Amino acid sequence: MPLSSLPALSRIDIATTDPAVLPVAVRLPDTVQPRAGGVTMDAVTMTNVVTETVAFPLVETRDPADVAGLPPQVDSGVATHAYRLSGEDLDRFDALRQSVLRRHAQGEKVSLGFGIATKEFCRAGLLPPGPLPASTYLLTSETGRYVVLTGGVDLRAEPQVMRELLELAPC
């Protein structure tokens, strides 16, 4: 995560954030595509004793409002995919959030964090030579703009990721 993103991300308040305003975007080489259901928001609840993770599959969105404000795409051969929580998962996430807030109000030391992960891909063509840049972005009601979570990470530089990319099934 770039250091320049930390001030904006530090403003996110789980008590006030609007889960309906939580689109995420993933930029990948256009020959690598996330599979339906392959992008998740993992909510992590932590106490002194237990860490629990709940995965929320994100649904792809083509709503212009969900992609407005993304940094311009300057590289050719790159595709942007935008996602958000489904209506059902908005309710599930809000229930989890309310549970954490109640526990916190009762004096329990509990926190809730979340991360975005693209876990399932397919290959839409041959991988091009050179770097394979990937970036992820998050917009919240507090940030008011997309914030870079990971910027221009070269997938080819990660040996395990590269092995998996070479073994991807075609789309």
N, C-alpha and C. Protein backbone atom coordinates (compact mmCIF):
# COMPACT_ATOMS: atom_id res chain seq x y z
N MET A 1 0.86 -1.18 0.00
CA MET A 1 0.00 0.00 0.00
C MET A 1 0.90 1.24 0.00
N PRO A 2 0.61 2.16 -0.91
CA PRO A 2 1.42 3.38 -0.93
C PRO A 2 1.21 4.22 0.34
N LEU A 3 2.27 4.81 0.84
CA LEU A 3 2.16 5.67 2.02
C LEU A 3 1.21 6.83 1.78
N SER A 4 1.11 7.30 0.54
CA SER A 4 0.22 8.42 0.23
C SER A 4 -1.25 8.08 0.44
N SER A 5 -1.58 6.79 0.51
CA SER A 5 -2.98 6.37 0.72
C SER A 5 -3.36 6.34 2.20
N LEU A 6 -2.37 6.26 3.08
CA LEU A 6 -2.66 6.10 4.51
C LEU A 6 -3.51 7.21 5.11
N PRO A 7 -3.27 8.50 4.83
CA PRO A 7 -4.13 9.52 5.44
C PRO A 7 -5.61 9.34 5.08
N ALA A 8 -5.91 9.07 3.82
CA ALA A 8 -7.31 8.88 3.42
C ALA A 8 -7.90 7.63 4.07
N LEU A 9 -7.15 6.54 4.08
CA LEU A 9 -7.66 5.30 4.66
C LEU A 9 -7.83 5.41 6.17
N SER A 10 -7.05 6.24 6.82
CA SER A 10 -7.18 6.39 8.28
C SER A 10 -8.48 7.10 8.67
N ARG A 11 -9.12 7.76 7.71
CA ARG A 11 -10.39 8.43 8.00
C ARG A 11 -11.59 7.48 7.98
N ILE A 12 -11.40 6.25 7.52
CA ILE A 12 -12.51 5.31 7.47
C ILE A 12 -12.90 4.94 8.89
N ASP A 13 -14.16 5.11 9.20
CA ASP A 13 -14.69 4.82 10.53
C ASP A 13 -15.78 3.77 10.37
N ILE A 14 -15.55 2.59 10.89
CA ILE A 14 -16.49 1.48 10.73
C ILE A 14 -17.86 1.81 11.31
N ALA A 15 -17.90 2.73 12.27
CA ALA A 15 -19.19 3.10 12.88
C ALA A 15 -20.04 3.96 11.95
N THR A 16 -19.39 4.70 11.06
CA THR A 16 -20.16 5.63 10.23
C THR A 16 -20.08 5.34 8.74
N THR A 17 -19.17 4.50 8.32
CA THR A 17 -19.03 4.27 6.89
C THR A 17 -20.31 3.69 6.31
N ASP A 18 -20.62 4.07 5.11
CA ASP A 18 -21.83 3.61 4.43
C ASP A 18 -21.45 2.44 3.53
N PRO A 19 -21.85 1.20 3.89
CA PRO A 19 -21.46 0.05 3.08
C PRO A 19 -22.01 0.10 1.65
N ALA A 20 -23.05 0.90 1.42
CA ALA A 20 -23.59 1.04 0.07
C ALA A 20 -22.65 1.87 -0.80
N VAL A 21 -21.77 2.64 -0.15
CA VAL A 21 -20.77 3.43 -0.89
C VAL A 21 -19.43 2.76 -0.64
N LEU A 22 -19.22 1.63 -1.25
CA LEU A 22 -18.00 0.88 -1.02
C LEU A 22 -17.57 0.14 -2.28
N PRO A 23 -17.52 0.83 -3.42
CA PRO A 23 -17.04 0.12 -4.60
C PRO A 23 -15.53 -0.08 -4.54
N VAL A 24 -15.09 -1.13 -5.17
CA VAL A 24 -13.67 -1.40 -5.31
C VAL A 24 -13.39 -1.61 -6.80
N ALA A 25 -12.18 -1.37 -7.20
CA ALA A 25 -11.80 -1.60 -8.59
C ALA A 25 -10.46 -2.33 -8.63
N VAL A 26 -10.33 -3.16 -9.64
CA VAL A 26 -9.11 -3.93 -9.87
C VAL A 26 -8.67 -3.66 -11.30
N ARG A 27 -7.42 -3.31 -11.46
CA ARG A 27 -6.84 -3.12 -12.80
C ARG A 27 -5.83 -4.22 -13.04
N LEU A 28 -6.02 -4.94 -14.13
CA LEU A 28 -5.17 -6.09 -14.45
C LEU A 28 -4.83 -6.08 -15.93
N PRO A 29 -3.79 -6.83 -16.32
CA PRO A 29 -3.58 -7.03 -17.75
C PRO A 29 -4.87 -7.61 -18.35
N ASP A 30 -5.23 -7.18 -19.56
CA ASP A 30 -6.51 -7.62 -20.12
C ASP A 30 -6.53 -9.10 -20.48
N THR A 31 -5.41 -9.77 -20.40
CA THR A 31 -5.37 -11.21 -20.65
C THR A 31 -5.65 -12.03 -19.38
N VAL A 32 -5.79 -11.34 -18.26
CA VAL A 32 -6.12 -11.99 -16.98
C VAL A 32 -7.42 -11.37 -16.48
N GLN A 33 -8.43 -12.20 -16.28
CA GLN A 33 -9.73 -11.68 -15.86
C GLN A 33 -10.19 -12.35 -14.57
N PRO A 34 -10.73 -11.56 -13.64
CA PRO A 34 -11.32 -12.17 -12.44
C PRO A 34 -12.55 -12.99 -12.84
N ARG A 35 -12.70 -14.13 -12.22
CA ARG A 35 -13.91 -14.95 -12.45
C ARG A 35 -15.05 -14.37 -11.62
N ALA A 36 -16.27 -14.63 -12.06
CA ALA A 36 -17.45 -14.22 -11.29
C ALA A 36 -17.36 -14.84 -9.89
N GLY A 37 -17.52 -14.03 -8.88
CA GLY A 37 -17.41 -14.50 -7.50
C GLY A 37 -15.99 -14.61 -7.00
N GLY A 38 -15.01 -14.28 -7.84
CA GLY A 38 -13.61 -14.43 -7.47
C GLY A 38 -13.01 -13.26 -6.74
N VAL A 39 -13.76 -12.15 -6.65
CA VAL A 39 -13.27 -10.98 -5.92
C VAL A 39 -14.08 -10.88 -4.63
N THR A 40 -13.39 -10.81 -3.50
CA THR A 40 -14.08 -10.79 -2.22
C THR A 40 -13.63 -9.64 -1.34
N MET A 41 -14.52 -9.28 -0.44
CA MET A 41 -14.15 -8.39 0.65
C MET A 41 -14.12 -9.28 1.89
N ASP A 42 -12.96 -9.41 2.49
CA ASP A 42 -12.81 -10.24 3.69
C ASP A 42 -12.86 -9.34 4.91
N ALA A 43 -13.91 -9.50 5.71
CA ALA A 43 -14.06 -8.74 6.95
C ALA A 43 -13.42 -9.55 8.08
N VAL A 44 -12.52 -8.92 8.81
CA VAL A 44 -11.77 -9.61 9.87
C VAL A 44 -12.15 -8.98 11.21
N THR A 45 -12.73 -9.79 12.08
CA THR A 45 -13.07 -9.38 13.44
C THR A 45 -11.98 -9.89 14.37
N MET A 46 -11.41 -8.99 15.18
CA MET A 46 -10.31 -9.38 16.04
C MET A 46 -10.59 -9.01 17.50
N THR A 47 -10.31 -9.95 18.39
CA THR A 47 -10.30 -9.69 19.82
C THR A 47 -8.93 -10.13 20.33
N ASN A 48 -8.73 -10.05 21.62
CA ASN A 48 -7.45 -10.53 22.18
C ASN A 48 -7.28 -12.03 22.01
N VAL A 49 -8.40 -12.73 21.84
CA VAL A 49 -8.36 -14.19 21.83
C VAL A 49 -8.62 -14.78 20.45
N VAL A 50 -9.56 -14.21 19.70
CA VAL A 50 -10.04 -14.84 18.48
C VAL A 50 -9.96 -13.86 17.30
N THR A 51 -9.58 -14.40 16.16
CA THR A 51 -9.66 -13.66 14.90
C THR A 51 -10.56 -14.47 13.97
N GLU A 52 -11.61 -13.82 13.48
CA GLU A 52 -12.54 -14.47 12.57
C GLU A 52 -12.61 -13.70 11.27
N THR A 53 -12.70 -14.44 10.17
CA THR A 53 -12.80 -13.82 8.85
C THR A 53 -14.10 -14.26 8.19
N VAL A 54 -14.83 -13.31 7.65
CA VAL A 54 -16.03 -13.59 6.88
C VAL A 54 -15.80 -13.03 5.48
N ALA A 55 -15.96 -13.89 4.46
CA ALA A 55 -15.75 -13.47 3.08
C ALA A 55 -17.09 -13.05 2.46
N PHE A 56 -17.07 -11.91 1.81
CA PHE A 56 -18.23 -11.39 1.09
C PHE A 56 -17.88 -11.34 -0.39
N PRO A 57 -18.45 -12.24 -1.20
CA PRO A 57 -18.15 -12.15 -2.63
C PRO A 57 -18.70 -10.85 -3.20
N LEU A 58 -17.91 -10.18 -3.99
CA LEU A 58 -18.34 -8.92 -4.59
C LEU A 58 -18.91 -9.19 -5.99
N VAL A 59 -19.86 -8.36 -6.40
CA VAL A 59 -20.46 -8.51 -7.72
C VAL A 59 -19.94 -7.39 -8.62
N GLU A 60 -19.69 -7.76 -9.87
CA GLU A 60 -19.18 -6.76 -10.82
C GLU A 60 -20.26 -5.73 -11.11
N THR A 61 -19.85 -4.49 -11.25
CA THR A 61 -20.77 -3.41 -11.56
C THR A 61 -20.27 -2.67 -12.79
N ARG A 62 -21.19 -2.26 -13.60
CA ARG A 62 -20.86 -1.43 -14.77
C ARG A 62 -21.48 -0.04 -14.63
N ASP A 63 -21.98 0.26 -13.43
CA ASP A 63 -22.58 1.56 -13.16
C ASP A 63 -21.51 2.64 -13.33
N PRO A 64 -21.78 3.64 -14.19
CA PRO A 64 -20.78 4.70 -14.40
C PRO A 64 -20.34 5.38 -13.10
N ALA A 65 -21.24 5.48 -12.13
CA ALA A 65 -20.88 6.12 -10.85
C ALA A 65 -19.82 5.31 -10.11
N ASP A 66 -19.79 3.99 -10.32
CA ASP A 66 -18.83 3.14 -9.62
C ASP A 66 -17.44 3.20 -10.22
N VAL A 67 -17.31 3.69 -11.44
CA VAL A 67 -15.98 3.80 -12.04
C VAL A 67 -15.54 5.25 -12.20
N ALA A 68 -16.47 6.17 -12.00
CA ALA A 68 -16.10 7.59 -12.07
C ALA A 68 -15.10 7.89 -10.97
N GLY A 69 -14.12 8.65 -11.27
CA GLY A 69 -13.15 9.04 -10.26
C GLY A 69 -11.95 8.13 -10.16
N LEU A 70 -11.93 7.04 -10.92
CA LEU A 70 -10.73 6.21 -10.93
C LEU A 70 -9.61 6.96 -11.64
N PRO A 71 -8.37 6.75 -11.23
CA PRO A 71 -7.27 7.37 -11.97
C PRO A 71 -7.35 6.95 -13.43
N PRO A 72 -6.96 7.83 -14.34
CA PRO A 72 -7.04 7.48 -15.76
C PRO A 72 -6.19 6.26 -16.07
N GLN A 73 -6.69 5.47 -16.98
CA GLN A 73 -5.97 4.27 -17.41
C GLN A 73 -5.06 4.68 -18.56
N VAL A 74 -3.76 4.64 -18.35
CA VAL A 74 -2.83 5.13 -19.37
C VAL A 74 -2.17 4.00 -20.16
N ASP A 75 -2.10 2.82 -19.60
CA ASP A 75 -1.44 1.71 -20.28
C ASP A 75 -2.41 0.97 -21.18
N SER A 76 -1.97 0.61 -22.37
CA SER A 76 -2.79 -0.25 -23.21
C SER A 76 -2.63 -1.68 -22.71
N GLY A 77 -3.58 -2.52 -23.04
CA GLY A 77 -3.51 -3.91 -22.61
C GLY A 77 -3.90 -4.11 -21.15
N VAL A 78 -4.58 -3.12 -20.57
CA VAL A 78 -5.01 -3.20 -19.17
C VAL A 78 -6.52 -3.02 -19.12
N ALA A 79 -7.18 -3.77 -18.27
CA ALA A 79 -8.64 -3.66 -18.12
C ALA A 79 -8.98 -3.34 -16.67
N THR A 80 -10.02 -2.55 -16.48
CA THR A 80 -10.49 -2.19 -15.14
C THR A 80 -11.81 -2.90 -14.87
N HIS A 81 -11.90 -3.50 -13.69
CA HIS A 81 -13.11 -4.20 -13.26
C HIS A 81 -13.54 -3.57 -11.95
N ALA A 82 -14.82 -3.17 -11.86
CA ALA A 82 -15.34 -2.55 -10.64
C ALA A 82 -16.33 -3.49 -9.97
N TYR A 83 -16.36 -3.47 -8.64
CA TYR A 83 -17.18 -4.40 -7.86
C TYR A 83 -17.82 -3.66 -6.68
N ARG A 84 -18.88 -4.29 -6.16
CA ARG A 84 -19.50 -3.79 -4.93
C ARG A 84 -20.20 -4.96 -4.24
N LEU A 85 -20.65 -4.71 -3.01
CA LEU A 85 -21.41 -5.71 -2.27
C LEU A 85 -22.79 -5.86 -2.90
N SER A 86 -23.31 -7.08 -2.92
CA SER A 86 -24.69 -7.29 -3.38
C SER A 86 -25.63 -6.77 -2.29
N GLY A 87 -26.91 -6.61 -2.63
CA GLY A 87 -27.89 -6.14 -1.64
C GLY A 87 -27.94 -7.03 -0.41
N GLU A 88 -27.93 -8.33 -0.64
CA GLU A 88 -27.95 -9.29 0.48
C GLU A 88 -26.70 -9.16 1.34
N ASP A 89 -25.55 -9.02 0.69
CA ASP A 89 -24.31 -8.91 1.45
C ASP A 89 -24.15 -7.55 2.12
N LEU A 90 -24.80 -6.52 1.59
CA LEU A 90 -24.84 -5.24 2.31
C LEU A 90 -25.48 -5.45 3.68
N ASP A 91 -26.58 -6.20 3.70
CA ASP A 91 -27.27 -6.49 4.97
C ASP A 91 -26.40 -7.34 5.88
N ARG A 92 -25.72 -8.36 5.32
CA ARG A 92 -24.85 -9.22 6.14
C ARG A 92 -23.68 -8.44 6.71
N PHE A 93 -23.07 -7.58 5.88
CA PHE A 93 -21.94 -6.78 6.35
C PHE A 93 -22.40 -5.81 7.44
N ASP A 94 -23.56 -5.18 7.22
CA ASP A 94 -24.05 -4.23 8.22
C ASP A 94 -24.37 -4.94 9.54
N ALA A 95 -24.92 -6.16 9.47
CA ALA A 95 -25.20 -6.93 10.69
C ALA A 95 -23.89 -7.24 11.43
N LEU A 96 -22.85 -7.61 10.70
CA LEU A 96 -21.55 -7.88 11.32
C LEU A 96 -21.00 -6.60 11.96
N ARG A 97 -21.10 -5.51 11.24
CA ARG A 97 -20.62 -4.22 11.75
C ARG A 97 -21.37 -3.83 13.01
N GLN A 98 -22.69 -3.95 13.01
CA GLN A 98 -23.50 -3.60 14.19
C GLN A 98 -23.15 -4.49 15.38
N SER A 99 -22.88 -5.76 15.13
CA SER A 99 -22.47 -6.68 16.19
C SER A 99 -21.16 -6.22 16.82
N VAL A 100 -20.20 -5.82 16.00
CA VAL A 100 -18.91 -5.35 16.51
C VAL A 100 -19.11 -4.08 17.32
N LEU A 101 -19.95 -3.17 16.82
CA LEU A 101 -20.19 -1.91 17.54
C LEU A 101 -20.87 -2.17 18.90
N ARG A 102 -21.83 -3.12 18.94
CA ARG A 102 -22.49 -3.47 20.22
C ARG A 102 -21.47 -4.04 21.20
N ARG A 103 -20.64 -4.96 20.72
CA ARG A 103 -19.64 -5.58 21.59
C ARG A 103 -18.66 -4.52 22.12
N HIS A 104 -18.28 -3.60 21.25
CA HIS A 104 -17.38 -2.53 21.66
C HIS A 104 -18.04 -1.66 22.72
N ALA A 105 -19.33 -1.33 22.53
CA ALA A 105 -20.06 -0.50 23.49
C ALA A 105 -20.19 -1.20 24.85
N GLN A 106 -20.17 -2.53 24.85
CA GLN A 106 -20.26 -3.30 26.10
C GLN A 106 -18.89 -3.47 26.76
N GLY A 107 -17.87 -2.82 26.19
CA GLY A 107 -16.55 -2.84 26.81
C GLY A 107 -15.59 -3.88 26.27
N GLU A 108 -16.04 -4.67 25.32
CA GLU A 108 -15.16 -5.69 24.76
C GLU A 108 -14.16 -5.03 23.80
N LYS A 109 -12.91 -5.47 23.87
CA LYS A 109 -11.90 -4.96 22.93
C LYS A 109 -12.02 -5.77 21.64
N VAL A 110 -12.71 -5.17 20.68
CA VAL A 110 -12.95 -5.85 19.41
C VAL A 110 -12.77 -4.83 18.29
N SER A 111 -12.21 -5.31 17.19
CA SER A 111 -12.05 -4.42 16.04
C SER A 111 -12.50 -5.14 14.78
N LEU A 112 -12.80 -4.36 13.77
CA LEU A 112 -13.23 -4.90 12.49
C LEU A 112 -12.42 -4.23 11.40
N GLY A 113 -11.79 -5.02 10.60
CA GLY A 113 -11.05 -4.52 9.45
C GLY A 113 -11.51 -5.27 8.22
N PHE A 114 -11.14 -4.78 7.07
CA PHE A 114 -11.49 -5.53 5.87
C PHE A 114 -10.43 -5.35 4.80
N GLY A 115 -10.36 -6.35 3.95
CA GLY A 115 -9.42 -6.33 2.84
C GLY A 115 -10.10 -6.81 1.58
N ILE A 116 -9.57 -6.43 0.46
CA ILE A 116 -10.10 -6.82 -0.83
C ILE A 116 -9.11 -7.79 -1.46
N ALA A 117 -9.63 -8.89 -2.00
CA ALA A 117 -8.75 -9.88 -2.62
C ALA A 117 -9.38 -10.42 -3.89
N THR A 118 -8.57 -10.57 -4.92
CA THR A 118 -9.00 -11.25 -6.13
C THR A 118 -8.40 -12.63 -6.05
N LYS A 119 -9.28 -13.64 -5.91
CA LYS A 119 -8.82 -14.99 -5.61
C LYS A 119 -8.97 -15.97 -6.77
N GLU A 120 -9.82 -15.65 -7.74
CA GLU A 120 -10.04 -16.58 -8.85
C GLU A 120 -9.97 -15.82 -10.17
N PHE A 121 -9.15 -16.33 -11.07
CA PHE A 121 -8.93 -15.70 -12.37
C PHE A 121 -9.10 -16.72 -13.48
N CYS A 122 -9.18 -16.22 -14.70
CA CYS A 122 -9.06 -17.03 -15.89
C CYS A 122 -8.20 -16.28 -16.89
N ARG A 123 -7.71 -16.99 -17.91
CA ARG A 123 -6.82 -16.37 -18.89
C ARG A 123 -7.59 -16.12 -20.18
N ALA A 124 -7.57 -14.88 -20.65
CA ALA A 124 -8.28 -14.49 -21.87
C ALA A 124 -7.33 -14.42 -23.06
N GLY A 125 -6.11 -14.83 -22.89
CA GLY A 125 -5.12 -14.80 -23.97
C GLY A 125 -3.75 -15.10 -23.41
N LEU A 126 -2.77 -15.03 -24.27
CA LEU A 126 -1.39 -15.27 -23.83
C LEU A 126 -0.91 -14.09 -23.00
N LEU A 127 -0.13 -14.41 -21.98
CA LEU A 127 0.45 -13.35 -21.16
C LEU A 127 1.48 -12.60 -21.98
N PRO A 128 1.41 -11.28 -21.99
CA PRO A 128 2.38 -10.50 -22.76
C PRO A 128 3.75 -10.53 -22.07
N PRO A 129 4.80 -10.25 -22.83
CA PRO A 129 6.12 -10.16 -22.19
C PRO A 129 6.20 -8.90 -21.33
N GLY A 130 7.15 -8.91 -20.42
CA GLY A 130 7.36 -7.72 -19.59
C GLY A 130 6.50 -7.73 -18.33
N PRO A 131 6.47 -6.60 -17.63
CA PRO A 131 5.71 -6.51 -16.37
C PRO A 131 4.22 -6.75 -16.59
N LEU A 132 3.59 -7.30 -15.57
CA LEU A 132 2.14 -7.52 -15.56
C LEU A 132 1.58 -6.70 -14.40
N PRO A 133 1.30 -5.42 -14.61
CA PRO A 133 0.90 -4.55 -13.49
C PRO A 133 -0.53 -4.82 -13.03
N ALA A 134 -0.71 -4.79 -11.73
CA ALA A 134 -2.03 -4.95 -11.12
C ALA A 134 -2.18 -3.88 -10.04
N SER A 135 -3.36 -3.27 -9.99
CA SER A 135 -3.64 -2.24 -8.98
C SER A 135 -5.03 -2.48 -8.43
N THR A 136 -5.23 -2.10 -7.16
CA THR A 136 -6.56 -2.17 -6.56
C THR A 136 -6.87 -0.81 -5.92
N TYR A 137 -8.17 -0.49 -5.92
CA TYR A 137 -8.65 0.81 -5.45
C TYR A 137 -9.89 0.61 -4.59
N LEU A 138 -10.08 1.50 -3.63
CA LEU A 138 -11.24 1.47 -2.74
C LEU A 138 -11.80 2.87 -2.60
N LEU A 139 -13.12 2.98 -2.65
CA LEU A 139 -13.80 4.25 -2.39
C LEU A 139 -14.74 4.03 -1.21
N THR A 140 -14.74 4.92 -0.24
CA THR A 140 -15.66 4.84 0.88
C THR A 140 -16.36 6.17 1.06
N SER A 141 -17.39 6.17 1.90
CA SER A 141 -18.09 7.42 2.17
C SER A 141 -17.17 8.44 2.84
N GLU A 142 -16.16 7.98 3.57
CA GLU A 142 -15.24 8.90 4.23
C GLU A 142 -14.17 9.45 3.27
N THR A 143 -13.67 8.61 2.38
CA THR A 143 -12.60 9.07 1.50
C THR A 143 -13.16 9.97 0.39
N GLY A 144 -14.37 9.67 -0.07
CA GLY A 144 -14.99 10.46 -1.12
C GLY A 144 -14.33 10.32 -2.48
N ARG A 145 -13.31 9.50 -2.57
CA ARG A 145 -12.61 9.27 -3.83
C ARG A 145 -11.95 7.90 -3.76
N TYR A 146 -11.60 7.39 -4.92
CA TYR A 146 -10.86 6.12 -4.93
C TYR A 146 -9.46 6.34 -4.36
N VAL A 147 -9.06 5.40 -3.50
CA VAL A 147 -7.74 5.42 -2.89
C VAL A 147 -7.02 4.16 -3.35
N VAL A 148 -5.76 4.30 -3.67
CA VAL A 148 -4.95 3.16 -4.12
C VAL A 148 -4.64 2.26 -2.94
N LEU A 149 -5.01 0.98 -3.06
CA LEU A 149 -4.61 0.00 -2.04
C LEU A 149 -3.30 -0.66 -2.45
N THR A 150 -3.23 -1.10 -3.70
CA THR A 150 -1.99 -1.62 -4.26
C THR A 150 -1.84 -0.97 -5.62
N GLY A 151 -0.69 -0.41 -5.89
CA GLY A 151 -0.51 0.31 -7.14
C GLY A 151 0.59 -0.26 -8.00
N GLY A 152 0.21 -0.76 -9.17
CA GLY A 152 1.20 -1.22 -10.15
C GLY A 152 2.06 -2.37 -9.70
N VAL A 153 1.53 -3.27 -8.89
CA VAL A 153 2.29 -4.44 -8.45
C VAL A 153 2.53 -5.32 -9.67
N ASP A 154 3.77 -5.69 -9.90
CA ASP A 154 4.10 -6.55 -11.04
C ASP A 154 3.84 -8.01 -10.65
N LEU A 155 2.79 -8.58 -11.23
CA LEU A 155 2.44 -9.97 -10.92
C LEU A 155 3.56 -10.93 -11.31
N ARG A 156 4.31 -10.57 -12.34
CA ARG A 156 5.41 -11.42 -12.80
C ARG A 156 6.53 -11.49 -11.74
N ALA A 157 6.66 -10.49 -10.89
CA ALA A 157 7.71 -10.45 -9.88
C ALA A 157 7.41 -11.34 -8.68
N GLU A 158 6.19 -11.84 -8.60
CA GLU A 158 5.79 -12.73 -7.50
C GLU A 158 5.82 -14.18 -8.00
N PRO A 159 6.83 -14.97 -7.66
CA PRO A 159 6.98 -16.32 -8.24
C PRO A 159 5.74 -17.20 -8.09
N GLN A 160 5.12 -17.22 -6.91
CA GLN A 160 3.94 -18.06 -6.71
C GLN A 160 2.78 -17.59 -7.59
N VAL A 161 2.58 -16.29 -7.66
CA VAL A 161 1.51 -15.73 -8.49
C VAL A 161 1.78 -16.07 -9.95
N MET A 162 3.01 -15.93 -10.39
CA MET A 162 3.35 -16.21 -11.78
C MET A 162 3.10 -17.67 -12.12
N ARG A 163 3.46 -18.58 -11.22
CA ARG A 163 3.18 -20.01 -11.46
C ARG A 163 1.68 -20.22 -11.64
N GLU A 164 0.90 -19.58 -10.78
CA GLU A 164 -0.55 -19.73 -10.87
C GLU A 164 -1.09 -19.12 -12.16
N LEU A 165 -0.56 -17.98 -12.58
CA LEU A 165 -1.01 -17.35 -13.82
C LEU A 165 -0.75 -18.26 -15.02
N LEU A 166 0.40 -18.94 -15.03
CA LEU A 166 0.73 -19.83 -16.14
C LEU A 166 -0.17 -21.05 -16.18
N GLU A 167 -0.78 -21.40 -15.04
CA GLU A 167 -1.64 -22.58 -14.97
C GLU A 167 -3.13 -22.24 -15.11
N LEU A 168 -3.46 -20.95 -15.33
CA LEU A 168 -4.87 -20.56 -15.40
C LEU A 168 -5.59 -21.23 -16.56
N ALA A 169 -6.83 -21.58 -16.30
CA ALA A 169 -7.69 -22.12 -17.37
C ALA A 169 -8.15 -20.95 -18.25
N PRO A 170 -8.43 -21.23 -19.50
CA PRO A 170 -8.95 -20.16 -20.35
C PRO A 170 -10.35 -19.73 -19.91
N CYS A 171 -10.69 -18.48 -20.23
CA CYS A 171 -12.02 -17.95 -19.88
C CYS A 171 -13.06 -18.53 -20.84
